[in-house]
């Protein structure tokens, strides 16, 4: 293992003669101007939470490198990791950074643009089932694609790792001619059902389907582990509504985790120019996209009618303008970093950093940016943080979505 750099989370502010505490209270984590400065939050603290620097010093350790656009990781009981590479490979990574041959037996993926092999999780009863689940972009002969989820029995053979008895348990419907906005985070609920986050595929025909209940685009769905539909889903047996839908009105959800205190699903989804949202995902709720959104279109101008509030839609508990481009998310519960216990960590791809949030109940009370400017070499571009996981050792692991991607971990400074 190599330690490429040492980072301290101490933030230095130069604001006259005010005390450090006063300076910190007056500052925000992101000083860039908003894309939509005339938009007003629905309640105090919904955006631009005060900077809360925790002054935690840590080392960033390189666990593995040489991965091509890695997207997600999951820990095996042995402490080794399963890591997906977007071109379609799944690897086993040892604690000392050795990469296995690609795991065989996976179905083909469509790896154009944002597509490919995406998330991976272990079955809640992995010790007895040996099942793993993965999401991916599924291609079709007509050029259309969709988000899909498969599962298979993982055979942990060092020389020839593989999956057997593979079943595709979920196909997003309808398919669409787009290679964008697959969503694809997989999160098991406490009851063993599986949440699958999705996108609306970015293009206008898909975007408008985020509000159509006969479409899986722009929805979070909830399925059983075999792909069947839970009987207590909110729209079971309702005419014209897909029974797998749990919530609607989402843009592109690539961060998701269960709140360990409540068991509820929290997610962060991509906005356009502004409007990344942190939401608590509740049964049957509509989160507004594209009728209601913060931020503006990429090309400038309002999103549809420019509404940020509308009866019958949910407000995000927090939003960012400018965006962080979120991917990956954890609630930190470890003991390795006591000052961070209870924090939410989110990967930032556009801001190329790790976002830390202080949470009190259902409100964000502070924000901190870590790993800013992280680079593999002085000549390379800053790392896009694609996934965030808590390891069994209490360290925080991140995956960098780069042509020469890495698995890194944060540990207390030596």
Protein backbone atom coordinates (compact mmCIF):
# COMPACT_ATOMS: atom_id res chain seq x y z
CA UNK A 1 0.00 0.00 0.00
CA UNK A 2 1.13 3.51 -0.75
CA UNK A 3 0.24 6.75 0.97
CA UNK A 4 0.13 9.37 -1.79
CA UNK A 5 -0.70 12.31 0.42
CA UNK A 6 -1.62 13.42 3.88
CA UNK A 7 -4.58 15.69 4.37
CA UNK A 8 -5.77 17.60 7.38
CA UNK A 9 -9.34 18.80 7.48
CA UNK A 10 -8.23 22.06 9.09
CA UNK A 11 -9.65 24.97 7.11
CA UNK A 12 -7.84 28.30 7.23
CA UNK A 13 -9.99 31.39 6.82
CA UNK A 14 -8.74 34.94 6.56
CA UNK A 15 -11.58 37.17 7.69
CA UNK A 16 -10.15 40.11 9.57
CA UNK A 17 -9.71 39.77 13.29
CA UNK A 18 -12.74 37.63 14.05
CA UNK A 19 -12.32 34.50 16.14
CA UNK A 20 -11.94 31.18 14.27
CA UNK A 21 -15.33 30.12 15.62
CA UNK A 22 -17.02 33.27 14.28
CA UNK A 23 -15.22 32.95 10.95
CA UNK A 24 -16.38 29.36 10.57
CA UNK A 25 -20.00 30.24 11.39
CA UNK A 26 -20.02 32.98 8.76
CA UNK A 27 -18.53 30.78 6.02
CA UNK A 28 -20.16 28.24 3.74
CA UNK A 29 -18.52 25.15 2.31
CA UNK A 30 -18.85 26.28 -1.30
CA UNK A 31 -18.30 30.01 -1.99
CA UNK A 32 -19.13 29.78 -5.72
CA UNK A 33 -22.09 31.91 -6.84
CA UNK A 34 -25.43 30.17 -7.34
CA UNK A 35 -26.70 29.50 -10.85
CA UNK A 36 -30.17 30.62 -9.77
CA UNK A 37 -29.52 33.36 -7.17
CA UNK A 38 -33.15 34.54 -7.23
CA UNK A 39 -34.49 31.18 -6.09
CA UNK A 40 -35.31 31.10 -2.40
CA UNK A 41 -35.16 27.99 -0.21
CA UNK A 42 -38.45 26.69 1.15
CA UNK A 43 -37.13 26.83 4.73
CA UNK A 44 -34.10 28.05 6.64
CA UNK A 45 -31.06 25.81 6.26
CA UNK A 46 -32.26 24.06 3.11
CA UNK A 47 -29.09 25.14 1.28
CA UNK A 48 -25.69 26.69 2.05
CA UNK A 49 -25.34 25.16 5.50
CA UNK A 50 -22.54 26.74 7.52
CA UNK A 51 -19.05 25.38 7.18
CA UNK A 52 -18.32 22.95 10.01
CA UNK A 53 -14.64 22.05 9.88
CA UNK A 54 -13.96 19.14 12.24
CA UNK A 55 -10.16 19.52 12.22
CA UNK A 56 -9.74 15.76 11.81
CA UNK A 57 -6.30 14.89 10.45
CA UNK A 58 -6.16 11.79 8.30
CA UNK A 59 -4.02 9.92 5.81
CA UNK A 60 -5.27 8.84 2.40
CA UNK A 61 -3.99 5.34 1.66
CA UNK A 62 -4.02 3.82 -1.82
CA UNK A 63 -5.53 0.35 -1.51
CA UNK A 64 -5.67 -0.54 -5.22
CA UNK A 65 -4.99 1.17 -8.53
CA UNK A 66 -5.09 0.41 -12.24
CA UNK A 67 -8.88 0.01 -12.37
CA UNK A 68 -10.71 1.32 -15.44
CA UNK A 69 -13.50 3.66 -14.35
CA UNK A 70 -14.42 1.76 -11.18
CA UNK A 71 -17.99 2.48 -10.10
CA UNK A 72 -18.74 0.68 -6.84
CA UNK A 73 -17.33 -1.60 -4.18
CA UNK A 74 -18.74 -4.06 -1.67
CA UNK A 75 -16.94 -5.83 1.16
CA UNK A 76 -16.80 -9.61 1.34
CA UNK A 77 -16.83 -11.19 4.83
CA UNK A 78 -13.10 -11.81 4.46
CA UNK A 79 -12.45 -8.07 4.18
CA UNK A 80 -11.62 -8.30 0.49
CA UNK A 81 -13.68 -6.21 -1.88
CA UNK A 82 -15.75 -6.67 -4.98
CA UNK A 83 -15.16 -3.71 -7.31
CA UNK A 84 -17.05 -3.01 -10.52
CA UNK A 85 -15.40 -1.46 -13.57
CA UNK A 86 -17.77 0.36 -15.89
CA UNK A 87 -16.54 -1.36 -19.10
CA UNK A 88 -18.09 -4.56 -17.69
CA UNK A 89 -15.58 -6.20 -15.37
CA UNK A 90 -16.03 -7.24 -11.75
CA UNK A 91 -12.85 -7.75 -9.72
CA UNK A 92 -11.95 -9.13 -6.33
CA UNK A 93 -9.49 -6.77 -4.62
CA UNK A 94 -7.40 -7.92 -1.69
CA UNK A 95 -6.44 -5.73 1.26
CA UNK A 96 -2.94 -5.35 -0.21
CA UNK A 97 -4.31 -4.18 -3.55
CA UNK A 98 -4.03 -7.27 -5.73
CA UNK A 99 -6.67 -7.52 -8.47
CA UNK A 100 -8.23 -10.84 -9.40
CA UNK A 101 -8.92 -11.85 -12.98
CA UNK A 102 -12.34 -10.56 -14.10
CA UNK A 103 -15.22 -12.48 -12.54
CA UNK A 104 -16.85 -14.55 -15.28
CA UNK A 105 -20.51 -15.31 -15.84
CA UNK A 106 -21.92 -11.78 -15.84
CA UNK A 107 -24.34 -10.78 -18.62
CA UNK A 108 -23.18 -8.36 -21.29
CA UNK A 109 -23.43 -4.64 -20.52
CA UNK A 110 -23.88 -1.60 -22.74
CA UNK A 111 -20.88 0.49 -21.72
CA UNK A 112 -21.43 3.49 -23.93
CA UNK A 113 -21.19 6.88 -22.23
CA UNK A 114 -22.59 6.58 -18.67
CA UNK A 115 -23.56 2.94 -19.11
CA UNK A 116 -21.74 -0.22 -18.11
CA UNK A 117 -21.38 -2.36 -14.99
CA UNK A 118 -22.46 -0.16 -12.09
CA UNK A 119 -23.38 -1.01 -8.48
CA UNK A 120 -22.73 -4.24 -6.56
CA UNK A 121 -24.06 -5.42 -3.17
CA UNK A 122 -24.09 -8.63 -1.17
CA UNK A 123 -27.26 -10.48 -0.24
CA UNK A 124 -28.22 -9.79 3.40
CA UNK A 125 -27.81 -13.54 4.00
CA UNK A 126 -24.65 -13.84 1.91
CA UNK A 127 -23.06 -16.23 4.42
CA UNK A 128 -25.60 -18.89 3.52
CA UNK A 129 -26.68 -17.87 -0.01
CA UNK A 130 -23.39 -16.61 -1.51
CA UNK A 131 -25.56 -14.33 -3.67
CA UNK A 132 -24.41 -10.99 -5.01
CA UNK A 133 -26.50 -8.41 -6.87
CA UNK A 134 -25.33 -5.94 -9.48
CA UNK A 135 -26.87 -3.21 -11.64
CA UNK A 136 -25.90 -2.43 -15.19
CA UNK A 137 -26.95 -0.82 -18.45
CA UNK A 138 -28.70 -3.41 -20.58
CA UNK A 139 -28.45 -2.95 -24.33
CA UNK A 140 -30.80 -4.00 -27.11
CA UNK A 141 -30.33 -4.54 -30.82
CA UNK A 142 -32.28 -1.39 -31.69
CA UNK A 143 -29.81 0.75 -29.73
CA UNK A 144 -32.16 1.32 -26.82
CA UNK A 145 -31.02 0.66 -23.24
CA UNK A 146 -32.36 0.40 -19.71
CA UNK A 147 -31.22 -0.11 -16.15
CA UNK A 148 -31.17 -3.78 -15.13
CA UNK A 149 -30.40 -5.76 -11.98
CA UNK A 150 -29.06 -9.32 -11.85
CA UNK A 151 -28.02 -11.70 -9.12
CA UNK A 152 -25.85 -14.80 -9.04
CA UNK A 153 -24.03 -17.15 -6.70
CA UNK A 154 -20.47 -15.93 -6.24
CA UNK A 155 -17.83 -18.65 -6.48
CA UNK A 156 -14.76 -17.33 -4.67
CA UNK A 157 -12.03 -19.06 -6.64
CA UNK A 158 -8.78 -17.09 -6.57
CA UNK A 159 -7.69 -18.31 -9.98
CA UNK A 160 -11.11 -18.22 -11.66
CA UNK A 161 -13.73 -16.24 -9.71
CA UNK A 162 -17.20 -16.50 -11.24
CA UNK A 163 -20.92 -16.15 -10.75
CA UNK A 164 -23.27 -19.04 -11.34
CA UNK A 165 -27.06 -19.45 -11.55
CA UNK A 166 -27.35 -15.89 -12.82
CA UNK A 167 -30.85 -14.39 -12.97
CA UNK A 168 -31.81 -10.97 -14.29
CA UNK A 169 -34.39 -9.96 -11.68
CA UNK A 170 -35.28 -6.46 -12.87
CA UNK A 171 -35.52 -4.61 -16.18
CA UNK A 172 -36.40 -0.92 -16.16
CA UNK A 173 -39.28 -0.21 -18.51
CA UNK A 174 -39.58 1.25 -21.05
CA UNK A 175 -36.26 1.02 -22.86
CA UNK A 176 -35.07 4.26 -24.41
CA UNK A 177 -32.54 5.45 -26.97
CA UNK A 178 -30.22 7.12 -24.47
CA UNK A 179 -26.91 6.26 -22.82
CA UNK A 180 -27.37 8.62 -19.85
CA UNK A 181 -28.93 8.73 -16.37
CA UNK A 182 -29.09 5.10 -15.29
CA UNK A 183 -29.22 5.79 -11.54
CA UNK A 184 -28.41 2.23 -10.39
CA UNK A 185 -27.71 2.32 -6.66
CA UNK A 186 -28.84 -0.84 -4.87
CA UNK A 187 -29.83 -0.65 -1.20
CA UNK A 188 -31.33 -3.44 0.89
CA UNK A 189 -34.02 -2.36 3.34
CA UNK A 190 -34.22 -3.78 6.84
CA UNK A 191 -36.99 -6.15 5.75
CA UNK A 192 -34.79 -7.65 3.02
CA UNK A 193 -36.48 -5.93 0.09
CA UNK A 194 -34.26 -4.19 -2.45
CA UNK A 195 -34.44 -0.54 -3.48
CA UNK A 196 -33.21 0.21 -7.01
CA UNK A 197 -32.59 3.86 -7.81
CA UNK A 198 -33.03 5.00 -11.39
CA UNK A 199 -32.72 7.95 -13.70
CA UNK A 200 -35.02 9.41 -16.31
CA UNK A 201 -32.44 8.89 -19.04
CA UNK A 202 -31.81 12.66 -19.50
CA UNK A 203 -33.37 13.07 -22.95
CA UNK A 204 -36.68 14.95 -23.12
CA UNK A 205 -38.94 11.92 -23.76
CA UNK A 206 -37.51 10.23 -20.67
CA UNK A 207 -37.47 13.35 -18.53
CA UNK A 208 -41.20 13.86 -18.98
CA UNK A 209 -41.87 10.25 -17.94
CA UNK A 210 -40.55 10.92 -14.43
CA UNK A 211 -44.11 12.05 -13.67
CA UNK A 212 -45.82 9.20 -15.55
CA UNK A 213 -46.73 6.29 -13.30
CA UNK A 214 -46.88 3.72 -16.11
CA UNK A 215 -43.14 4.27 -16.64
CA UNK A 216 -40.13 3.23 -14.54
CA UNK A 217 -38.10 6.25 -15.68
CA UNK A 218 -37.29 8.71 -12.91
CA UNK A 219 -38.49 6.31 -10.22
CA UNK A 220 -37.08 4.46 -7.24
CA UNK A 221 -38.46 0.94 -7.24
CA UNK A 222 -38.70 -1.68 -4.51
CA UNK A 223 -38.56 -5.38 -5.30
CA UNK A 224 -38.09 -8.64 -3.46
CA UNK A 225 -34.76 -10.40 -3.68
CA UNK A 226 -36.04 -12.68 -6.44
CA UNK A 227 -37.43 -9.74 -8.43
CA UNK A 228 -41.07 -10.21 -7.44
CA UNK A 229 -43.11 -7.27 -6.17
CA UNK A 230 -43.66 -6.73 -2.43
CA UNK A 231 -47.37 -6.82 -1.61
CA UNK A 232 -47.11 -3.63 0.47
CA UNK A 233 -45.66 -1.46 -2.30
CA UNK A 234 -47.73 1.74 -2.57
CA UNK A 235 -49.18 1.18 -6.04
CA UNK A 236 -49.83 -2.56 -6.13
CA UNK A 237 -53.04 -3.38 -8.04
CA UNK A 238 -53.58 0.24 -9.14
CA UNK A 239 -54.57 0.53 -12.77
CA UNK A 240 -52.04 2.22 -15.02
CA UNK A 241 -49.29 2.26 -12.39
CA UNK A 242 -46.21 0.01 -12.32
CA UNK A 243 -46.39 -2.03 -9.09
CA UNK A 244 -42.65 -1.85 -8.48
CA UNK A 245 -42.68 1.94 -8.03
CA UNK A 246 -41.86 3.20 -4.54
CA UNK A 247 -41.42 6.93 -5.33
CA UNK A 248 -41.49 9.18 -8.38
CA UNK A 249 -40.22 12.51 -9.72
CA UNK A 250 -36.49 11.76 -9.56
CA UNK A 251 -33.84 12.96 -12.00
CA UNK A 252 -30.80 10.68 -11.62
CA UNK A 253 -30.19 9.04 -8.25
CA UNK A 254 -26.61 7.83 -7.78
CA UNK A 255 -26.25 8.25 -4.00
CA UNK A 256 -28.40 6.22 -1.60
CA UNK A 257 -28.13 4.71 1.88
CA UNK A 258 -30.33 3.63 4.78
CA UNK A 259 -30.39 5.95 7.77
CA UNK A 260 -29.23 3.60 10.57
CA UNK A 261 -31.33 5.47 13.15
CA UNK A 262 -34.63 5.21 11.28
CA UNK A 263 -34.19 2.57 8.58
CA UNK A 264 -35.47 5.02 5.96
CA UNK A 265 -33.86 5.38 2.55
CA UNK A 266 -32.04 8.67 1.96
CA UNK A 267 -30.81 9.60 -1.49
CA UNK A 268 -28.95 12.37 -3.32
CA UNK A 269 -29.76 12.97 -6.97
CA UNK A 270 -28.15 15.00 -9.70
CA UNK A 271 -29.63 18.36 -10.63
CA UNK A 272 -28.85 20.25 -13.83
CA UNK A 273 -26.99 23.56 -13.28
CA UNK A 274 -27.79 23.64 -9.59
CA UNK A 275 -30.41 21.56 -7.84
CA UNK A 276 -28.60 18.49 -6.53
CA UNK A 277 -31.06 17.22 -3.90
CA UNK A 278 -30.87 15.30 -0.63
CA UNK A 279 -34.21 13.55 -0.07
CA UNK A 280 -35.75 11.16 2.44
CA UNK A 281 -37.50 8.68 0.18
CA UNK A 282 -40.96 7.86 1.48
CA UNK A 283 -43.59 5.47 0.24
CA UNK A 284 -45.63 6.78 -2.66
CA UNK A 285 -44.23 10.32 -2.60
CA UNK A 286 -43.52 12.53 -5.62
CA UNK A 287 -40.19 14.40 -5.54
CA UNK A 288 -41.16 16.80 -8.28
CA UNK A 289 -38.80 16.39 -11.24
CA UNK A 290 -39.09 17.94 -13.78
CA UNK A 291 -42.09 20.08 -12.79
CA UNK A 292 -40.39 21.28 -9.59
CA UNK A 293 -36.64 21.79 -9.27
CA UNK A 294 -33.94 24.11 -8.04
CA UNK A 295 -31.26 25.37 -10.42
CA UNK A 296 -31.53 26.02 -14.15
CA UNK A 297 -31.14 24.17 -17.44
CA UNK A 298 -27.61 23.35 -18.63
CA UNK A 299 -28.08 25.74 -21.53
CA UNK A 300 -29.45 28.42 -19.17
CA UNK A 301 -33.01 29.46 -18.48
CA UNK A 302 -35.68 27.97 -16.22
CA UNK A 303 -36.50 24.27 -15.95
CA UNK A 304 -40.02 24.08 -17.44
CA UNK A 305 -41.98 26.78 -15.57
CA UNK A 306 -39.17 27.46 -13.11
CA UNK A 307 -41.14 26.22 -10.09
CA UNK A 308 -39.31 25.33 -6.89
CA UNK A 309 -42.44 24.45 -4.89
CA UNK A 310 -45.71 22.82 -5.81
CA UNK A 311 -48.52 21.24 -3.81
CA UNK A 312 -48.33 17.46 -3.80
CA UNK A 313 -44.55 17.29 -4.25
CA UNK A 314 -41.85 16.84 -1.66
CA UNK A 315 -39.18 19.39 -0.87
CA UNK A 316 -35.58 18.17 -0.59
CA UNK A 317 -34.27 18.42 2.94
CA UNK A 318 -31.18 20.04 1.42
CA UNK A 319 -30.01 21.16 -2.02
CA UNK A 320 -26.83 22.43 -3.65
CA UNK A 321 -26.42 25.26 -6.13
CA UNK A 322 -23.79 25.00 -7.63
CA UNK A 323 -23.81 21.22 -7.81
CA UNK A 324 -21.47 18.64 -6.30
CA UNK A 325 -22.49 15.93 -8.86
CA UNK A 326 -23.23 13.30 -6.18
CA UNK A 327 -22.38 9.62 -6.32
CA UNK A 328 -22.03 7.19 -3.43
CA UNK A 329 -23.21 7.77 0.14
CA UNK A 330 -22.81 6.48 3.70
CA UNK A 331 -23.94 7.29 7.19
CA UNK A 332 -20.71 6.92 9.15
CA UNK A 333 -21.16 4.66 12.19
CA UNK A 334 -17.56 3.62 12.88
CA UNK A 335 -15.31 4.30 15.85
CA UNK A 336 -12.14 5.07 13.90
CA UNK A 337 -13.18 8.74 13.51
CA UNK A 338 -15.20 9.70 16.62
CA UNK A 339 -15.66 13.29 15.43
CA UNK A 340 -17.36 12.03 12.27
CA UNK A 341 -19.73 9.54 13.87
CA UNK A 342 -23.24 10.24 12.61
CA UNK A 343 -22.03 12.24 9.60
CA UNK A 344 -23.25 11.63 6.08
CA UNK A 345 -20.52 11.33 3.43
CA UNK A 346 -21.25 11.82 -0.28
CA UNK A 347 -18.90 11.54 -3.24
CA UNK A 348 -18.53 14.67 -5.36
CA UNK A 349 -17.64 14.16 -9.00
CA UNK A 350 -17.96 17.72 -10.27
CA UNK A 351 -16.37 19.22 -7.15
CA UNK A 352 -13.85 16.32 -7.02
CA UNK A 353 -14.10 16.03 -3.26
CA UNK A 354 -15.78 14.17 -0.43
CA UNK A 355 -18.72 16.03 1.07
CA UNK A 356 -19.41 15.61 4.79
CA UNK A 357 -22.74 16.68 6.29
CA UNK A 358 -23.74 17.20 9.90
CA UNK A 359 -27.26 15.89 10.41
CA UNK A 360 -29.69 16.65 13.21
CA UNK A 361 -32.92 14.70 12.79
CA UNK A 362 -34.07 15.53 9.27
CA UNK A 363 -32.02 18.69 8.81
CA UNK A 364 -28.51 19.44 7.56
CA UNK A 365 -26.78 21.67 10.12
CA UNK A 366 -23.27 21.87 8.65
CA UNK A 367 -21.14 20.94 5.68
CA UNK A 368 -17.47 20.24 5.10
CA UNK A 369 -15.47 19.45 1.93
CA UNK A 370 -12.64 16.91 2.17
CA UNK A 371 -10.12 15.53 -0.36
CA UNK A 372 -10.32 18.61 -2.54
CA UNK A 373 -7.83 18.46 -5.38
CA UNK A 374 -7.01 14.78 -4.86
CA UNK A 375 -4.88 13.54 -7.79
CA UNK A 376 -3.13 10.29 -8.65
CA UNK A 377 -0.16 12.25 -10.02
CA UNK A 378 0.62 15.97 -10.27
CA UNK A 379 -0.06 15.76 -14.01
CA UNK A 380 -3.43 13.98 -13.80
CA UNK A 381 -6.87 15.51 -13.49
CA UNK A 382 -8.44 15.75 -10.00
CA UNK A 383 -10.17 12.52 -8.99
CA UNK A 384 -13.94 12.15 -9.42
CA UNK A 385 -15.23 10.35 -6.34
CA UNK A 386 -17.78 7.82 -7.53
CA UNK A 387 -18.47 5.63 -4.49
CA UNK A 388 -18.13 5.87 -0.72
CA UNK A 389 -18.27 2.91 1.67
CA UNK A 390 -17.48 2.25 5.30
CA UNK A 391 -15.10 -0.67 5.73
CA UNK A 392 -15.28 -3.34 8.42
CA UNK A 393 -12.18 -1.67 9.92
CA UNK A 394 -14.07 1.61 10.37
CA UNK A 395 -12.08 3.34 7.62
CA UNK A 396 -13.84 5.31 4.89
CA UNK A 397 -13.21 3.90 1.43
CA UNK A 398 -13.70 5.85 -1.80
CA UNK A 399 -13.58 4.81 -5.44
CA UNK A 400 -12.28 7.25 -8.05
CA UNK A 401 -14.00 7.15 -11.43
CA UNK A 402 -11.00 7.73 -13.68
CA UNK A 403 -9.34 5.91 -16.62
CA UNK A 404 -6.73 4.80 -14.07
CA UNK A 405 -9.10 4.58 -11.13
CA UNK A 406 -8.21 3.78 -7.56
CA UNK A 407 -9.62 2.47 -4.30
CA UNK A 408 -8.51 4.75 -1.47
CA UNK A 409 -9.17 4.74 2.24
CA UNK A 410 -9.14 7.42 4.90
CA UNK A 411 -7.46 6.45 8.17
CA UNK A 412 -6.45 8.55 11.20
CA UNK A 413 -3.19 10.40 10.66
CA UNK A 414 -0.22 8.49 11.97
